[in-house]
């Protein structure tokens, strides 16, 4: 039991290190995307799933055009609108806002459209400041040693006098 608990805790601690996937439903009962607006982190992916109707997903800036795969994906994908059951996944590595739409039922910002907000990943905090850098620390110990030797020498001179 302890072994399973340890494994589960380890996986939960590692989970933030992995990219996540979000799902956007395309079409279905209406000509729309659900959710229409979504926020993800840089490095995350969105999987678009056609729920019915002839649709595709096209970035306002032309960075992707997907339906049965994506144009130029190297796998023979085709971004033409399709009424078949299709699934397309796009990864977003750059923070910013990406608008998208269906070529048949919308255009940038109108009709069947959506928005993806990609947040930058928060960098880890900087290491704590070392008030005495390593070189300074070595010099400090050298100075303390020298002062101790001088003091010891002064004590010996005073004792002889």
C-alpha atoms as a PDB file:
ATOM      1  CA  UNK A   1       0.000   0.000   0.000  1.00  0.00           C
ATOM      2  CA  UNK A   2       2.829   2.380   0.890  1.00  0.00           C
ATOM      3  CA  UNK A   3       4.441   1.674  -2.463  1.00  0.00           C
ATOM      4  CA  UNK A   4       1.267   2.704  -4.365  1.00  0.00           C
ATOM      5  CA  UNK A   5       0.837   5.812  -2.251  1.00  0.00           C
ATOM      6  CA  UNK A   6       4.447   6.787  -2.895  1.00  0.00           C
ATOM      7  CA  UNK A   7       3.997   6.254  -6.646  1.00  0.00           C
ATOM      8  CA  UNK A   8       0.803   8.349  -6.736  1.00  0.00           C
ATOM      9  CA  UNK A   9       2.410  11.196  -4.770  1.00  0.00           C
ATOM     10  CA  UNK A  10       5.450  11.131  -7.070  1.00  0.00           C
ATOM     11  CA  UNK A  11       3.269  11.320 -10.174  1.00  0.00           C
ATOM     12  CA  UNK A  12       1.267  14.214  -8.750  1.00  0.00           C
ATOM     13  CA  UNK A  13       4.459  16.124  -7.977  1.00  0.00           C
ATOM     14  CA  UNK A  14       5.792  15.535 -11.494  1.00  0.00           C
ATOM     15  CA  UNK A  15       2.520  16.459 -13.240  1.00  0.00           C
ATOM     16  CA  UNK A  16       3.262  20.215 -13.508  1.00  0.00           C
ATOM     17  CA  UNK A  17       6.452  19.431 -15.440  1.00  0.00           C
ATOM     18  CA  UNK A  18       4.502  17.981 -18.352  1.00  0.00           C
ATOM     19  CA  UNK A  19       2.602  19.857 -21.029  1.00  0.00           C
ATOM     20  CA  UNK A  20      -1.171  19.573 -20.887  1.00  0.00           C
ATOM     21  CA  UNK A  21      -3.793  19.056 -23.557  1.00  0.00           C
ATOM     22  CA  UNK A  22      -7.106  20.881 -23.809  1.00  0.00           C
ATOM     23  CA  UNK A  23     -10.086  19.935 -25.947  1.00  0.00           C
ATOM     24  CA  UNK A  24     -12.177  22.228 -28.131  1.00  0.00           C
ATOM     25  CA  UNK A  25     -15.321  20.733 -29.639  1.00  0.00           C
ATOM     26  CA  UNK A  26     -16.070  21.807 -33.203  1.00  0.00           C
ATOM     27  CA  UNK A  27     -19.648  22.015 -34.549  1.00  0.00           C
ATOM     28  CA  UNK A  28     -22.176  19.481 -33.403  1.00  0.00           C
ATOM     29  CA  UNK A  29     -25.555  20.998 -32.512  1.00  0.00           C
ATOM     30  CA  UNK A  30     -24.442  24.461 -33.581  1.00  0.00           C
ATOM     31  CA  UNK A  31     -21.907  26.169 -35.803  1.00  0.00           C
ATOM     32  CA  UNK A  32     -19.521  27.070 -33.024  1.00  0.00           C
ATOM     33  CA  UNK A  33     -16.532  26.086 -30.943  1.00  0.00           C
ATOM     34  CA  UNK A  34     -16.882  24.945 -27.357  1.00  0.00           C
ATOM     35  CA  UNK A  35     -15.309  26.513 -25.453  1.00  0.00           C
ATOM     36  CA  UNK A  36     -15.081  29.540 -27.725  1.00  0.00           C
ATOM     37  CA  UNK A  37     -12.253  31.075 -25.673  1.00  0.00           C
ATOM     38  CA  UNK A  38      -9.614  29.054 -23.877  1.00  0.00           C
ATOM     39  CA  UNK A  39      -6.449  29.822 -21.916  1.00  0.00           C
ATOM     40  CA  UNK A  40      -3.468  27.478 -21.915  1.00  0.00           C
ATOM     41  CA  UNK A  41       0.229  27.634 -21.025  1.00  0.00           C
ATOM     42  CA  UNK A  42       3.047  27.807 -23.550  1.00  0.00           C
ATOM     43  CA  UNK A  43       3.930  24.259 -24.592  1.00  0.00           C
ATOM     44  CA  UNK A  44       0.373  22.972 -24.163  1.00  0.00           C
ATOM     45  CA  UNK A  45      -1.709  21.483 -26.978  1.00  0.00           C
ATOM     46  CA  UNK A  46      -5.313  21.841 -28.038  1.00  0.00           C
ATOM     47  CA  UNK A  47      -7.127  18.932 -29.621  1.00  0.00           C
ATOM     48  CA  UNK A  48      -9.974  20.022 -31.897  1.00  0.00           C
ATOM     49  CA  UNK A  49     -12.705  17.364 -32.284  1.00  0.00           C
ATOM     50  CA  UNK A  50     -15.354  17.647 -35.003  1.00  0.00           C
ATOM     51  CA  UNK A  51     -18.697  16.788 -33.387  1.00  0.00           C
ATOM     52  CA  UNK A  52     -20.675  17.068 -36.627  1.00  0.00           C
ATOM     53  CA  UNK A  53     -21.036  19.269 -39.679  1.00  0.00           C
ATOM     54  CA  UNK A  54     -18.572  20.365 -42.334  1.00  0.00           C
ATOM     55  CA  UNK A  55     -15.895  22.361 -40.513  1.00  0.00           C
ATOM     56  CA  UNK A  56     -12.212  23.099 -40.171  1.00  0.00           C
ATOM     57  CA  UNK A  57     -10.053  25.208 -37.861  1.00  0.00           C
ATOM     58  CA  UNK A  58      -7.905  27.990 -39.323  1.00  0.00           C
ATOM     59  CA  UNK A  59      -5.645  30.388 -37.419  1.00  0.00           C
ATOM     60  CA  UNK A  60      -6.262  34.087 -38.143  1.00  0.00           C
ATOM     61  CA  UNK A  61      -2.518  34.473 -38.768  1.00  0.00           C
ATOM     62  CA  UNK A  62      -2.327  31.365 -40.982  1.00  0.00           C
ATOM     63  CA  UNK A  63      -0.092  29.460 -38.546  1.00  0.00           C
ATOM     64  CA  UNK A  64      -2.335  26.378 -38.772  1.00  0.00           C
ATOM     65  CA  UNK A  65      -5.197  25.061 -40.915  1.00  0.00           C
ATOM     66  CA  UNK A  66      -6.617  21.774 -39.677  1.00  0.00           C
ATOM     67  CA  UNK A  67      -9.414  19.249 -40.125  1.00  0.00           C
ATOM     68  CA  UNK A  68      -8.261  15.760 -41.116  1.00  0.00           C
ATOM     69  CA  UNK A  69      -4.787  16.588 -39.828  1.00  0.00           C
ATOM     70  CA  UNK A  70      -3.178  19.928 -40.528  1.00  0.00           C
ATOM     71  CA  UNK A  71      -1.780  21.376 -43.745  1.00  0.00           C
ATOM     72  CA  UNK A  72       1.975  20.837 -43.871  1.00  0.00           C
ATOM     73  CA  UNK A  73       2.083  18.510 -40.860  1.00  0.00           C
ATOM     74  CA  UNK A  74       4.340  16.069 -42.718  1.00  0.00           C
ATOM     75  CA  UNK A  75       1.785  13.301 -42.218  1.00  0.00           C
ATOM     76  CA  UNK A  76      -0.399  14.055 -45.235  1.00  0.00           C
ATOM     77  CA  UNK A  77      -2.834  16.130 -43.189  1.00  0.00           C
ATOM     78  CA  UNK A  78      -5.518  18.109 -44.940  1.00  0.00           C
ATOM     79  CA  UNK A  79      -6.979  21.284 -43.473  1.00  0.00           C
ATOM     80  CA  UNK A  80      -9.903  21.488 -45.905  1.00  0.00           C
ATOM     81  CA  UNK A  81     -13.293  21.603 -44.174  1.00  0.00           C
ATOM     82  CA  UNK A  82     -14.670  18.114 -43.733  1.00  0.00           C
ATOM     83  CA  UNK A  83     -17.856  16.564 -42.402  1.00  0.00           C
ATOM     84  CA  UNK A  84     -16.077  13.338 -41.450  1.00  0.00           C
ATOM     85  CA  UNK A  85     -15.242  12.615 -37.837  1.00  0.00           C
ATOM     86  CA  UNK A  86     -11.860  14.267 -37.473  1.00  0.00           C
ATOM     87  CA  UNK A  87      -9.461  15.131 -34.679  1.00  0.00           C
ATOM     88  CA  UNK A  88      -6.550  17.569 -35.011  1.00  0.00           C
ATOM     89  CA  UNK A  89      -4.019  18.576 -32.363  1.00  0.00           C
ATOM     90  CA  UNK A  90      -2.008  21.807 -32.389  1.00  0.00           C
ATOM     91  CA  UNK A  91       0.767  22.709 -29.909  1.00  0.00           C
ATOM     92  CA  UNK A  92       1.255  26.347 -28.888  1.00  0.00           C
ATOM     93  CA  UNK A  93       4.775  27.266 -27.773  1.00  0.00           C
ATOM     94  CA  UNK A  94       4.682  31.060 -27.989  1.00  0.00           C
ATOM     95  CA  UNK A  95       2.774  33.244 -25.503  1.00  0.00           C
ATOM     96  CA  UNK A  96       0.129  35.526 -27.001  1.00  0.00           C
ATOM     97  CA  UNK A  97      -3.387  35.443 -28.380  1.00  0.00           C
ATOM     98  CA  UNK A  98      -4.341  33.316 -31.373  1.00  0.00           C
ATOM     99  CA  UNK A  99      -7.674  33.785 -33.103  1.00  0.00           C
ATOM    100  CA  UNK A 100      -9.146  30.979 -35.202  1.00  0.00           C
ATOM    101  CA  UNK A 101     -12.248  30.297 -37.267  1.00  0.00           C
ATOM    102  CA  UNK A 102     -14.042  27.845 -39.576  1.00  0.00           C
ATOM    103  CA  UNK A 103     -13.585  28.813 -43.237  1.00  0.00           C
ATOM    104  CA  UNK A 104     -17.162  27.824 -44.140  1.00  0.00           C
ATOM    105  CA  UNK A 105     -19.033  29.385 -41.218  1.00  0.00           C
ATOM    106  CA  UNK A 106     -16.869  32.249 -40.031  1.00  0.00           C
ATOM    107  CA  UNK A 107     -13.962  34.595 -40.469  1.00  0.00           C
ATOM    108  CA  UNK A 108     -11.533  36.246 -38.047  1.00  0.00           C
ATOM    109  CA  UNK A 109     -13.624  37.518 -35.130  1.00  0.00           C
ATOM    110  CA  UNK A 110     -17.023  36.771 -36.756  1.00  0.00           C
ATOM    111  CA  UNK A 111     -19.403  33.844 -37.104  1.00  0.00           C
ATOM    112  CA  UNK A 112     -17.803  30.562 -36.104  1.00  0.00           C
ATOM    113  CA  UNK A 113     -14.608  31.763 -34.424  1.00  0.00           C
ATOM    114  CA  UNK A 114     -12.652  31.341 -31.222  1.00  0.00           C
ATOM    115  CA  UNK A 115      -9.699  32.671 -29.258  1.00  0.00           C
ATOM    116  CA  UNK A 116      -6.747  30.936 -27.627  1.00  0.00           C
ATOM    117  CA  UNK A 117      -4.738  32.793 -24.991  1.00  0.00           C
ATOM    118  CA  UNK A 118      -1.297  31.271 -24.502  1.00  0.00           C
ATOM    119  CA  UNK A 119       0.307  32.270 -21.213  1.00  0.00           C
ATOM    120  CA  UNK A 120       4.061  32.317 -20.713  1.00  0.00           C
ATOM    121  CA  UNK A 121       5.353  29.724 -18.306  1.00  0.00           C
ATOM    122  CA  UNK A 122       6.487  31.297 -15.030  1.00  0.00           C
ATOM    123  CA  UNK A 123      10.235  30.800 -14.621  1.00  0.00           C
ATOM    124  CA  UNK A 124      11.523  29.358 -11.358  1.00  0.00           C
ATOM    125  CA  UNK A 125      12.497  31.917  -8.726  1.00  0.00           C
ATOM    126  CA  UNK A 126      16.137  33.049  -8.788  1.00  0.00           C
ATOM    127  CA  UNK A 127      18.476  31.496  -6.240  1.00  0.00           C
ATOM    128  CA  UNK A 128      18.822  33.444  -2.990  1.00  0.00           C
ATOM    129  CA  UNK A 129      21.446  36.147  -3.076  1.00  0.00           C
ATOM    130  CA  UNK A 130      24.704  35.182  -1.391  1.00  0.00           C
ATOM    131  CA  UNK A 131      25.743  38.227   0.673  1.00  0.00           C
ATOM    132  CA  UNK A 132      29.370  37.144   0.438  1.00  0.00           C
ATOM    133  CA  UNK A 133      30.323  35.618  -2.914  1.00  0.00           C
ATOM    134  CA  UNK A 134      32.740  32.671  -2.869  1.00  0.00           C
ATOM    135  CA  UNK A 135      35.817  34.768  -3.770  1.00  0.00           C
ATOM    136  CA  UNK A 136      34.882  37.357  -1.147  1.00  0.00           C
ATOM    137  CA  UNK A 137      34.323  34.620   1.428  1.00  0.00           C
ATOM    138  CA  UNK A 138      37.807  33.199   0.803  1.00  0.00           C
ATOM    139  CA  UNK A 139      39.349  36.657   1.098  1.00  0.00           C
ATOM    140  CA  UNK A 140      37.378  37.248   4.286  1.00  0.00           C
ATOM    141  CA  UNK A 141      38.759  34.059   5.869  1.00  0.00           C
ATOM    142  CA  UNK A 142      42.256  35.026   4.737  1.00  0.00           C
ATOM    143  CA  UNK A 143      41.836  38.454   6.338  1.00  0.00           C
ATOM    144  CA  UNK A 144      40.485  36.945   9.572  1.00  0.00           C
ATOM    145  CA  UNK A 145      43.439  34.546   9.657  1.00  0.00           C
ATOM    146  CA  UNK A 146      45.921  37.377   9.069  1.00  0.00           C
ATOM    147  CA  UNK A 147      44.340  39.501  11.832  1.00  0.00           C
ATOM    148  CA  UNK A 148      44.461  36.508  14.193  1.00  0.00           C
ATOM    149  CA  UNK A 149      48.149  35.946  13.434  1.00  0.00           C
ATOM    150  CA  UNK A 150      48.940  39.636  13.968  1.00  0.00           C
ATOM    151  CA  UNK A 151      47.010  39.630  17.250  1.00  0.00           C
ATOM    152  CA  UNK A 152      48.772  36.455  18.356  1.00  0.00           C
ATOM    153  CA  UNK A 153      52.146  37.975  17.445  1.00  0.00           C
ATOM    154  CA  UNK A 154      51.273  41.160  19.345  1.00  0.00           C
ATOM    155  CA  UNK A 155      50.341  39.108  22.423  1.00  0.00           C
ATOM    156  CA  UNK A 156      53.647  37.258  22.269  1.00  0.00           C
ATOM    157  CA  UNK A 157      55.594  40.538  21.953  1.00  0.00           C
ATOM    158  CA  UNK A 158      53.700  42.023  24.891  1.00  0.00           C
ATOM    159  CA  UNK A 159      54.373  38.937  27.045  1.00  0.00           C
ATOM    160  CA  UNK A 160      58.136  39.194  26.415  1.00  0.00           C
ATOM    161  CA  UNK A 161      58.187  42.841  27.305  1.00  0.00           C
END
